[in-house]
Each structure stands twice: as C-alpha cells, then as structure tokens.
Amino acid sequence: MAASDYEPLWQAQLASVQAELLALASLTPGERVLDVACGTGLVTFDSAGAVGASGRVTGVDLSGAMVEASQQRASARGLSNVSFERMDAEALGLPDAKFDVALCALGLMYMPDPVKAVREMRRVLRPGGRIVLAVWGERSNCGWSALFPIVDAEVSSEVCPLFFRLGQEGALAHLCVQAGLEATVQRRITTTLMYACADDACNAAFVGGPVALAWSRFDDVTRARVRASYLKAIDLWRDGQGYRMPGEFVIVSAAAP
C-alpha cells in the first residue's frame, strides 16, 4: 500500500472504527502505548494526545515508507512523546512488559501468523495491560471484498488469502485467548463507505488498498480489465455518480493476566 495514497483514500472511511478502538482503549495521561501496524500514524497521533506529555506512544510498521511518513508528520507537529520504528509485528524488537496498552487497527489481516503477532503484543505488555484490536468483518458484509477474486484471477495478490477470517464470529476473541489474553469486550460495527465517483472507489480499492502491490505491476490493459470487473461487481451500491458501499469491522479488547 502506498504511504502517500493511504490517508486521502481511507482516512474518512476508517474514522469510525479508529474512534471506537480508541474509546475502548480508554487511554489516560502518562500511559505507555504501542501502536502496531501504525501506517501513517492516524491512531498513533490521537493516542499521543490522549496520554499527554507524561505518556509515550511508539508506532511500529513493517513498511519503511509508512514509518518515514509518520516520522515526518511527527516532526512537523513538534511532538516529543511519539516515536516510530520499522518492525515486524511477529518479532517485535522491544523488551518485555514495556507498555500499558497495545493497539492494532486493521493490521492483523496482513500478517502471516496473527496469533504470533498478538503473542508478541502480549509479551511487551505489563501484567494487567490492555490490548485493543480491530479487523475488517465478514467478507459478505464488506462490499469492496470483490476486488480479491478479481485481482487473484490475474496474478497472486500477495495478500493473505484469509483476509476476512478474523472477521468471522468469535474468531478475533478466540485469537486473543490463544495468545494468552483474557478477552473482555467484543463489538461488531457496520459502516457505509462513501465514494463520490468511480475513480475514487477504484483508487481506494487498488491504489491505496490491500492489493496495491499487484495493481502496481499490472499493465494498462490489465488495469482496464480489472477496473471494469470491479465496477461491475460494486454496481449494486451505486448512488448517482457515487457509491454507498457496506462495510463492517470487528473490535476486541483484552487484558494481560
């Protein structure tokens, strides 16, 4: 996913789930927070505001471009209580029991071994620390999910084929239990993804979405074919020149014993 494209294409669409995740996290001044798969820092910066100058937020992401973009934004804002590092969520280069809270907003679906990633988050939490995780919901409740078979028909998208697995009923809470956590709250949130035109809908799906790498490798003929197939698939949600597409998220908060 291109760092420069992510926020313009997805910030508004993800605002509701990110706000709910932070509400469940109940961050307080002075806390130490880890934001895993932080992207361009949307959740990281809001967390930094919640914990204040006496707190500390560390954002980590596998993408060097995302980390660089976040560092630049932090510098531009003059923030002293936030830092960013390039890091694999399944092998966090961080000491045990360092954080009060660990967050991961829509990152677990990309990880080859999400249980391992959550175990790593559990490891770096102090006893009694909190984890809040958010993933996309059921495939059938996410209108944009048609892009996966369309892209996979052309070339391997290099995205986990089980992208929506954790959105199934009880799956995310069960993952927390597998990782040694005590699941406390589970919420399923429905939303509407709104796009002003076909170009916006396609750019969100292909340029700034989970199949961006595959899309970047397509020639113009393939892109035209894939784009036409996707627009046909989402025509059900066309509203005038734009689109009102259903979406769903699952959020779970858990505690380290």
C-alpha atoms as a PDB file:
ATOM      1  CA  MET A   1       0.000   0.000   0.000  1.00  0.00           C
ATOM      2  CA  ALA A   2       1.439   3.381  -0.979  1.00  0.00           C
ATOM      3  CA  ALA A   3       2.036   5.610   2.050  1.00  0.00           C
ATOM      4  CA  SER A   4       1.131   8.771   0.117  1.00  0.00           C
ATOM      5  CA  ASP A   5      -2.185   7.324  -1.040  1.00  0.00           C
ATOM      6  CA  TYR A   6      -3.400   5.771   2.194  1.00  0.00           C
ATOM      7  CA  GLU A   7      -4.789   8.775   4.063  1.00  0.00           C
ATOM      8  CA  PRO A   8      -6.522  10.594   1.181  1.00  0.00           C
ATOM      9  CA  LEU A   9      -8.282   7.379   0.139  1.00  0.00           C
ATOM     10  CA  TRP A  10      -9.040   5.755   3.501  1.00  0.00           C
ATOM     11  CA  GLN A  11      -8.904   8.250   6.375  1.00  0.00           C
ATOM     12  CA  ALA A  12     -12.583   9.195   6.281  1.00  0.00           C
ATOM     13  CA  GLN A  13     -13.684   5.603   5.671  1.00  0.00           C
ATOM     14  CA  LEU A  14     -11.814   4.304   8.722  1.00  0.00           C
ATOM     15  CA  ALA A  15     -12.546   7.160  11.121  1.00  0.00           C
ATOM     16  CA  SER A  16     -15.426   5.378  12.867  1.00  0.00           C
ATOM     17  CA  VAL A  17     -13.544   2.173  13.680  1.00  0.00           C
ATOM     18  CA  GLN A  18     -10.440   4.065  14.795  1.00  0.00           C
ATOM     19  CA  ALA A  19     -12.529   6.246  17.115  1.00  0.00           C
ATOM     20  CA  GLU A  20     -14.222   3.164  18.586  1.00  0.00           C
ATOM     21  CA  LEU A  21     -10.866   1.433  19.088  1.00  0.00           C
ATOM     22  CA  LEU A  22      -9.516   4.426  20.986  1.00  0.00           C
ATOM     23  CA  ALA A  23     -12.693   4.693  23.055  1.00  0.00           C
ATOM     24  CA  LEU A  24     -12.298   1.057  24.129  1.00  0.00           C
ATOM     25  CA  ALA A  25      -8.623   1.629  24.902  1.00  0.00           C
ATOM     26  CA  SER A  26      -9.531   4.346  27.442  1.00  0.00           C
ATOM     27  CA  LEU A  27      -6.050   5.846  27.346  1.00  0.00           C
ATOM     28  CA  THR A  28      -5.054   8.037  30.279  1.00  0.00           C
ATOM     29  CA  PRO A  29      -2.255  10.571  30.796  1.00  0.00           C
ATOM     30  CA  GLY A  30       1.131   9.036  31.469  1.00  0.00           C
ATOM     31  CA  GLU A  31       0.475   5.656  29.838  1.00  0.00           C
ATOM     32  CA  ARG A  32       2.923   3.930  27.505  1.00  0.00           C
ATOM     33  CA  VAL A  33       1.245   2.818  24.284  1.00  0.00           C
ATOM     34  CA  LEU A  34       2.350   0.616  21.394  1.00  0.00           C
ATOM     35  CA  ASP A  35       0.597   1.060  18.040  1.00  0.00           C
ATOM     36  CA  VAL A  36       1.288  -1.992  15.849  1.00  0.00           C
ATOM     37  CA  ALA A  37       0.955  -1.695  12.061  1.00  0.00           C
ATOM     38  CA  CYS A  38       0.664   2.043  12.620  1.00  0.00           C
ATOM     39  CA  GLY A  39       0.623   3.033   8.942  1.00  0.00           C
ATOM     40  CA  THR A  40       0.870   6.797   8.637  1.00  0.00           C
ATOM     41  CA  GLY A  41       0.112   7.326  12.315  1.00  0.00           C
ATOM     42  CA  LEU A  42      -3.613   8.089  12.333  1.00  0.00           C
ATOM     43  CA  VAL A  43      -4.174   6.159  15.575  1.00  0.00           C
ATOM     44  CA  THR A  44      -0.690   6.902  16.911  1.00  0.00           C
ATOM     45  CA  PHE A  45      -1.147  10.661  16.925  1.00  0.00           C
ATOM     46  CA  ASP A  46      -4.580  10.507  18.556  1.00  0.00           C
ATOM     47  CA  SER A  47      -3.093   8.192  21.193  1.00  0.00           C
ATOM     48  CA  ALA A  48      -0.273  10.671  21.810  1.00  0.00           C
ATOM     49  CA  GLY A  49      -2.811  13.367  22.505  1.00  0.00           C
ATOM     50  CA  ALA A  50      -4.657  11.131  24.968  1.00  0.00           C
ATOM     51  CA  VAL A  51      -1.604  10.139  27.033  1.00  0.00           C
ATOM     52  CA  GLY A  52      -0.196  13.674  27.076  1.00  0.00           C
ATOM     53  CA  ALA A  53       3.325  14.888  27.618  1.00  0.00           C
ATOM     54  CA  SER A  54       3.859  12.491  30.517  1.00  0.00           C
ATOM     55  CA  GLY A  55       2.987   9.493  28.342  1.00  0.00           C
ATOM     56  CA  ARG A  56       4.713   7.874  25.399  1.00  0.00           C
ATOM     57  CA  VAL A  57       3.486   6.278  22.160  1.00  0.00           C
ATOM     58  CA  THR A  58       5.581   4.052  19.912  1.00  0.00           C
ATOM     59  CA  GLY A  59       4.314   3.275  16.420  1.00  0.00           C
ATOM     60  CA  VAL A  60       5.754   0.312  14.515  1.00  0.00           C
ATOM     61  CA  ASP A  61       5.157  -0.812  10.955  1.00  0.00           C
ATOM     62  CA  LEU A  62       6.763  -3.240   8.520  1.00  0.00           C
ATOM     63  CA  SER A  63       6.710  -0.606   5.770  1.00  0.00           C
ATOM     64  CA  GLY A  64       9.681   1.733   5.811  1.00  0.00           C
ATOM     65  CA  ALA A  65       7.741   4.236   3.717  1.00  0.00           C
ATOM     66  CA  MET A  66       4.929   4.336   6.274  1.00  0.00           C
ATOM     67  CA  VAL A  67       7.394   4.822   9.122  1.00  0.00           C
ATOM     68  CA  GLU A  68       9.196   7.603   7.275  1.00  0.00           C
ATOM     69  CA  ALA A  69       5.925   9.386   6.517  1.00  0.00           C
ATOM     70  CA  SER A  70       4.886   9.135  10.175  1.00  0.00           C
ATOM     71  CA  GLN A  71       8.237  10.445  11.397  1.00  0.00           C
ATOM     72  CA  GLN A  72       7.955  13.440   9.097  1.00  0.00           C
ATOM     73  CA  ARG A  73       4.451  14.197  10.335  1.00  0.00           C
ATOM     74  CA  ALA A  74       5.517  13.891  13.968  1.00  0.00           C
ATOM     75  CA  SER A  75       8.401  16.284  13.347  1.00  0.00           C
ATOM     76  CA  ALA A  76       6.125  18.766  11.584  1.00  0.00           C
ATOM     77  CA  ARG A  77       3.751  18.689  14.562  1.00  0.00           C
ATOM     78  CA  GLY A  78       6.581  19.144  17.047  1.00  0.00           C
ATOM     79  CA  LEU A  79       5.533  16.077  19.042  1.00  0.00           C
ATOM     80  CA  SER A  80       8.008  14.895  21.663  1.00  0.00           C
ATOM     81  CA  ASN A  81       6.022  11.982  23.116  1.00  0.00           C
ATOM     82  CA  VAL A  82       5.790   9.829  19.992  1.00  0.00           C
ATOM     83  CA  SER A  83       8.312   7.791  18.005  1.00  0.00           C
ATOM     84  CA  PHE A  84       8.200   5.402  15.051  1.00  0.00           C
ATOM     85  CA  GLU A  85      10.253   2.346  14.152  1.00  0.00           C
ATOM     86  CA  ARG A  86      10.269  -0.144  11.318  1.00  0.00           C
ATOM     87  CA  MET A  87       9.488  -3.500  12.883  1.00  0.00           C
ATOM     88  CA  ASP A  88       7.909  -6.884  12.152  1.00  0.00           C
ATOM     89  CA  ALA A  89       4.835  -7.359  14.355  1.00  0.00           C
ATOM     90  CA  GLU A  90       5.625 -11.066  14.658  1.00  0.00           C
ATOM     91  CA  ALA A  91       9.096 -10.346  16.078  1.00  0.00           C
ATOM     92  CA  LEU A  92       8.949  -7.080  17.999  1.00  0.00           C
ATOM     93  CA  GLY A  93      12.383  -5.775  18.917  1.00  0.00           C
ATOM     94  CA  LEU A  94      11.096  -4.452  22.221  1.00  0.00           C
ATOM     95  CA  PRO A  95      11.630  -5.505  25.865  1.00  0.00           C
ATOM     96  CA  ASP A  96       9.095  -7.456  27.910  1.00  0.00           C
ATOM     97  CA  ALA A  97       6.445  -5.616  29.925  1.00  0.00           C
ATOM     98  CA  LYS A  98       7.303  -2.197  28.463  1.00  0.00           C
ATOM     99  CA  PHE A  99       3.798  -0.952  27.621  1.00  0.00           C
ATOM    100  CA  ASP A 100       0.491  -0.327  29.350  1.00  0.00           C
ATOM    101  CA  VAL A 101      -1.562  -0.626  26.154  1.00  0.00           C
ATOM    102  CA  ALA A 102      -1.090  -2.219  22.734  1.00  0.00           C
ATOM    103  CA  LEU A 103      -3.244  -1.238  19.762  1.00  0.00           C
ATOM    104  CA  CYS A 104      -3.572  -2.688  16.276  1.00  0.00           C
ATOM    105  CA  ALA A 105      -6.073  -1.058  13.931  1.00  0.00           C
ATOM    106  CA  LEU A 106      -6.731  -3.125  10.783  1.00  0.00           C
ATOM    107  CA  GLY A 107      -3.259  -4.645  10.598  1.00  0.00           C
ATOM    108  CA  LEU A 108      -3.682  -8.266  11.678  1.00  0.00           C
ATOM    109  CA  MET A 109      -5.289  -9.316   8.365  1.00  0.00           C
ATOM    110  CA  TYR A 110      -1.961  -8.742   6.587  1.00  0.00           C
ATOM    111  CA  MET A 111       0.116 -10.859   8.948  1.00  0.00           C
ATOM    112  CA  PRO A 112       1.051 -14.433   8.012  1.00  0.00           C
ATOM    113  CA  ASP A 113       0.715 -15.551  11.649  1.00  0.00           C
ATOM    114  CA  PRO A 114      -1.643 -13.245  13.559  1.00  0.00           C
ATOM    115  CA  VAL A 115      -1.536 -15.412  16.687  1.00  0.00           C
ATOM    116  CA  LYS A 116       2.225 -14.949  16.837  1.00  0.00           C
ATOM    117  CA  ALA A 117       1.786 -11.192  16.401  1.00  0.00           C
ATOM    118  CA  VAL A 118      -0.709 -10.952  19.265  1.00  0.00           C
ATOM    119  CA  ARG A 119       1.538 -13.085  21.460  1.00  0.00           C
ATOM    120  CA  GLU A 120       4.301 -10.565  20.807  1.00  0.00           C
ATOM    121  CA  MET A 121       1.959  -7.737  21.806  1.00  0.00           C
ATOM    122  CA  ARG A 122       1.091  -9.705  24.932  1.00  0.00           C
ATOM    123  CA  ARG A 123       4.805 -10.148  25.721  1.00  0.00           C
ATOM    124  CA  VAL A 124       5.541  -6.437  25.677  1.00  0.00           C
ATOM    125  CA  LEU A 125       2.546  -5.607  27.902  1.00  0.00           C
ATOM    126  CA  ARG A 126       2.890  -5.229  31.639  1.00  0.00           C
ATOM    127  CA  PRO A 127       0.704  -7.506  33.796  1.00  0.00           C
ATOM    128  CA  GLY A 128      -2.813  -6.110  33.654  1.00  0.00           C
ATOM    129  CA  GLY A 129      -2.042  -4.243  30.432  1.00  0.00           C
ATOM    130  CA  ARG A 130      -4.666  -3.850  27.723  1.00  0.00           C
ATOM    131  CA  ILE A 131      -4.871  -4.784  24.057  1.00  0.00           C
ATOM    132  CA  VAL A 132      -7.424  -3.451  21.593  1.00  0.00           C
ATOM    133  CA  LEU A 133      -7.585  -4.990  18.113  1.00  0.00           C
ATOM    134  CA  ALA A 134      -9.682  -4.097  15.076  1.00  0.00           C
ATOM    135  CA  VAL A 135     -10.126  -6.063  11.854  1.00  0.00           C
ATOM    136  CA  TRP A 136     -12.466  -6.000   8.889  1.00  0.00           C
ATOM    137  CA  GLY A 137     -15.653  -8.007   9.451  1.00  0.00           C
ATOM    138  CA  GLU A 138     -17.289 -10.781   7.467  1.00  0.00           C
ATOM    139  CA  ARG A 139     -16.403 -10.914   3.766  1.00  0.00           C
ATOM    140  CA  SER A 140     -20.098 -10.925   2.836  1.00  0.00           C
ATOM    141  CA  ASN A 141     -20.637  -7.682   4.765  1.00  0.00           C
ATOM    142  CA  CYS A 142     -17.795  -5.774   3.071  1.00  0.00           C
ATOM    143  CA  GLY A 143     -18.843  -4.630  -0.392  1.00  0.00           C
ATOM    144  CA  TRP A 144     -15.307  -3.978  -1.608  1.00  0.00           C
ATOM    145  CA  SER A 145     -14.232  -7.601  -0.980  1.00  0.00           C
ATOM    146  CA  ALA A 146     -14.961  -8.420  -4.639  1.00  0.00           C
ATOM    147  CA  LEU A 147     -11.571  -6.967  -5.525  1.00  0.00           C
ATOM    148  CA  PHE A 148      -9.714 -10.025  -4.169  1.00  0.00           C
ATOM    149  CA  PRO A 149     -11.005 -12.675  -6.615  1.00  0.00           C
ATOM    150  CA  ILE A 150     -10.815 -10.144  -9.456  1.00  0.00           C
ATOM    151  CA  VAL A 151      -7.140  -9.419  -8.800  1.00  0.00           C
ATOM    152  CA  ASP A 152      -6.284 -13.034  -7.980  1.00  0.00           C
ATOM    153  CA  ALA A 153      -7.648 -14.068 -11.371  1.00  0.00           C
ATOM    154  CA  GLU A 154      -4.835 -12.011 -12.910  1.00  0.00           C
ATOM    155  CA  VAL A 155      -1.913 -12.651 -10.554  1.00  0.00           C
ATOM    156  CA  SER A 156      -1.222 -13.630  -6.964  1.00  0.00           C
ATOM    157  CA  SER A 157      -2.009 -10.520  -4.925  1.00  0.00           C
ATOM    158  CA  GLU A 158       0.478 -11.408  -2.173  1.00  0.00           C
ATOM    159  CA  VAL A 159      -2.200 -10.652   0.395  1.00  0.00           C
ATOM    160  CA  CYS A 160      -3.253 -13.278   2.896  1.00  0.00           C
ATOM    161  CA  PRO A 161      -5.995 -15.348   1.209  1.00  0.00           C
ATOM    162  CA  LEU A 162      -7.746 -15.474   4.582  1.00  0.00           C
ATOM    163  CA  PHE A 163      -8.024 -11.674   4.800  1.00  0.00           C
ATOM    164  CA  PHE A 164     -11.536 -11.781   6.298  1.00  0.00           C
ATOM    165  CA  ARG A 165     -11.012 -14.851   8.500  1.00  0.00           C
ATOM    166  CA  LEU A 166     -10.628 -12.850  11.712  1.00  0.00           C
ATOM    167  CA  GLY A 167     -13.892 -11.057  10.992  1.00  0.00           C
ATOM    168  CA  GLN A 168     -15.876 -14.265  11.434  1.00  0.00           C
ATOM    169  CA  GLU A 169     -17.981 -14.663  14.551  1.00  0.00           C
ATOM    170  CA  GLY A 170     -15.799 -15.138  17.626  1.00  0.00           C
ATOM    171  CA  ALA A 171     -12.556 -15.514  15.644  1.00  0.00           C
ATOM    172  CA  LEU A 172     -10.756 -12.420  16.959  1.00  0.00           C
ATOM    173  CA  ALA A 173     -11.685 -13.120  20.581  1.00  0.00           C
ATOM    174  CA  HIS A 174     -10.510 -16.722  20.180  1.00  0.00           C
ATOM    175  CA  LEU A 175      -7.195 -15.485  18.798  1.00  0.00           C
ATOM    176  CA  CYS A 176      -6.734 -13.373  21.935  1.00  0.00           C
ATOM    177  CA  VAL A 177      -7.336 -16.413  24.126  1.00  0.00           C
ATOM    178  CA  GLN A 178      -4.803 -18.393  22.075  1.00  0.00           C
ATOM    179  CA  ALA A 179      -2.277 -15.633  22.735  1.00  0.00           C
ATOM    180  CA  GLY A 180      -2.763 -15.846  26.495  1.00  0.00           C
ATOM    181  CA  LEU A 181      -5.105 -12.888  26.879  1.00  0.00           C
ATOM    182  CA  GLU A 182      -8.467 -12.542  28.552  1.00  0.00           C
ATOM    183  CA  ALA A 183     -10.988 -11.171  26.042  1.00  0.00           C
ATOM    184  CA  THR A 184     -13.321  -8.672  27.692  1.00  0.00           C
ATOM    185  CA  VAL A 185     -15.310  -6.763  25.062  1.00  0.00           C
ATOM    186  CA  GLN A 186     -16.318  -7.677  21.517  1.00  0.00           C
ATOM    187  CA  ARG A 187     -18.044  -5.267  19.135  1.00  0.00           C
ATOM    188  CA  ARG A 188     -19.184  -5.558  15.535  1.00  0.00           C
ATOM    189  CA  ILE A 189     -19.602  -2.221  13.762  1.00  0.00           C
ATOM    190  CA  THR A 190     -21.379  -1.633  10.478  1.00  0.00           C
ATOM    191  CA  THR A 191     -20.465   1.331   8.318  1.00  0.00           C
ATOM    192  CA  THR A 192     -21.011   2.800   4.878  1.00  0.00           C
ATOM    193  CA  LEU A 193     -18.023   3.523   2.677  1.00  0.00           C
ATOM    194  CA  MET A 194     -18.882   6.549   0.574  1.00  0.00           C
ATOM    195  CA  TYR A 195     -17.166   7.460  -2.689  1.00  0.00           C
ATOM    196  CA  ALA A 196     -18.007  10.463  -4.826  1.00  0.00           C
ATOM    197  CA  CYS A 197     -17.277   8.749  -8.133  1.00  0.00           C
ATOM    198  CA  ALA A 198     -15.999   5.594  -9.802  1.00  0.00           C
ATOM    199  CA  ASP A 199     -12.418   6.870  -9.795  1.00  0.00           C
ATOM    200  CA  ASP A 200     -12.480   7.351  -6.025  1.00  0.00           C
ATOM    201  CA  ALA A 201     -13.915   3.883  -5.444  1.00  0.00           C
ATOM    202  CA  CYS A 202     -11.329   2.247  -7.705  1.00  0.00           C
ATOM    203  CA  ASN A 203      -8.390   4.204  -6.333  1.00  0.00           C
ATOM    204  CA  ALA A 204      -9.324   3.231  -2.765  1.00  0.00           C
ATOM    205  CA  ALA A 205      -9.548  -0.419  -3.770  1.00  0.00           C
ATOM    206  CA  PHE A 206      -6.479  -0.691  -5.978  1.00  0.00           C
ATOM    207  CA  VAL A 207      -4.089   2.213  -5.378  1.00  0.00           C
ATOM    208  CA  GLY A 208      -4.416   2.659  -1.615  1.00  0.00           C
ATOM    209  CA  GLY A 209      -5.833  -0.731  -0.665  1.00  0.00           C
ATOM    210  CA  PRO A 210      -4.514  -4.196   0.180  1.00  0.00           C
ATOM    211  CA  VAL A 211      -3.855  -5.221  -3.437  1.00  0.00           C
ATOM    212  CA  ALA A 212      -1.809  -2.107  -4.276  1.00  0.00           C
ATOM    213  CA  LEU A 213       1.365  -4.085  -4.944  1.00  0.00           C
ATOM    214  CA  ALA A 214      -0.327  -6.319  -7.503  1.00  0.00           C
ATOM    215  CA  TRP A 215      -2.025  -3.297  -9.093  1.00  0.00           C
ATOM    216  CA  SER A 216       1.329  -1.504  -9.431  1.00  0.00           C
ATOM    217  CA  ARG A 217       2.597  -4.389 -11.561  1.00  0.00           C
ATOM    218  CA  PHE A 218      -0.355  -4.514 -13.971  1.00  0.00           C
ATOM    219  CA  ASP A 219      -0.034  -3.048 -17.459  1.00  0.00           C
ATOM    220  CA  ASP A 220      -2.654  -0.629 -18.758  1.00  0.00           C
ATOM    221  CA  VAL A 221      -4.701  -3.316 -20.492  1.00  0.00           C
ATOM    222  CA  THR A 222      -4.894  -5.443 -17.342  1.00  0.00           C
ATOM    223  CA  ARG A 223      -5.763  -2.427 -15.209  1.00  0.00           C
ATOM    224  CA  ALA A 224      -8.620  -1.503 -17.516  1.00  0.00           C
ATOM    225  CA  ARG A 225      -9.969  -5.060 -17.406  1.00  0.00           C
ATOM    226  CA  VAL A 226      -9.680  -5.324 -13.613  1.00  0.00           C
ATOM    227  CA  ARG A 227     -11.224  -1.896 -13.087  1.00  0.00           C
ATOM    228  CA  ALA A 228     -14.205  -2.745 -15.304  1.00  0.00           C
ATOM    229  CA  SER A 229     -14.759  -6.013 -13.430  1.00  0.00           C
ATOM    230  CA  TYR A 230     -14.657  -4.265 -10.061  1.00  0.00           C
ATOM    231  CA  LEU A 231     -17.078  -1.528 -11.100  1.00  0.00           C
ATOM    232  CA  LYS A 232     -19.466  -4.204 -12.326  1.00  0.00           C
ATOM    233  CA  ALA A 233     -19.167  -6.014  -9.001  1.00  0.00           C
ATOM    234  CA  ILE A 234     -19.973  -2.912  -6.932  1.00  0.00           C
ATOM    235  CA  ASP A 235     -22.688  -1.536  -9.212  1.00  0.00           C
ATOM    236  CA  LEU A 236     -25.245  -2.722  -6.667  1.00  0.00           C
ATOM    237  CA  TRP A 237     -24.151   0.125  -4.392  1.00  0.00           C
ATOM    238  CA  ARG A 238     -24.003   2.883  -6.987  1.00  0.00           C
ATOM    239  CA  ASP A 239     -25.785   6.047  -5.882  1.00  0.00           C
ATOM    240  CA  GLY A 240     -25.949   8.536  -8.742  1.00  0.00           C
ATOM    241  CA  GLN A 241     -22.349   9.227  -9.752  1.00  0.00           C
ATOM    242  CA  GLY A 242     -21.039   7.886  -6.453  1.00  0.00           C
ATOM    243  CA  TYR A 243     -21.198   4.764  -4.299  1.00  0.00           C
ATOM    244  CA  ARG A 244     -22.527   3.917  -0.843  1.00  0.00           C
ATOM    245  CA  MET A 245     -20.876   0.604  -0.066  1.00  0.00           C
ATOM    246  CA  PRO A 246     -21.456  -1.525   3.045  1.00  0.00           C
ATOM    247  CA  GLY A 247     -18.571  -2.272   5.374  1.00  0.00           C
ATOM    248  CA  GLU A 248     -18.091  -3.991   8.705  1.00  0.00           C
ATOM    249  CA  PHE A 249     -15.453  -4.045  11.441  1.00  0.00           C
ATOM    250  CA  VAL A 250     -14.849  -6.199  14.500  1.00  0.00           C
ATOM    251  CA  ILE A 251     -13.136  -4.802  17.592  1.00  0.00           C
ATOM    252  CA  VAL A 252     -11.997  -6.784  20.624  1.00  0.00           C
ATOM    253  CA  SER A 253     -10.390  -5.505  23.797  1.00  0.00           C
ATOM    254  CA  ALA A 254      -8.492  -7.909  26.029  1.00  0.00           C
ATOM    255  CA  ALA A 255      -6.284  -7.871  29.096  1.00  0.00           C
ATOM    256  CA  ALA A 256      -2.983  -9.454  30.005  1.00  0.00           C
ATOM    257  CA  PRO A 257      -3.335 -11.548  33.185  1.00  0.00           C
END
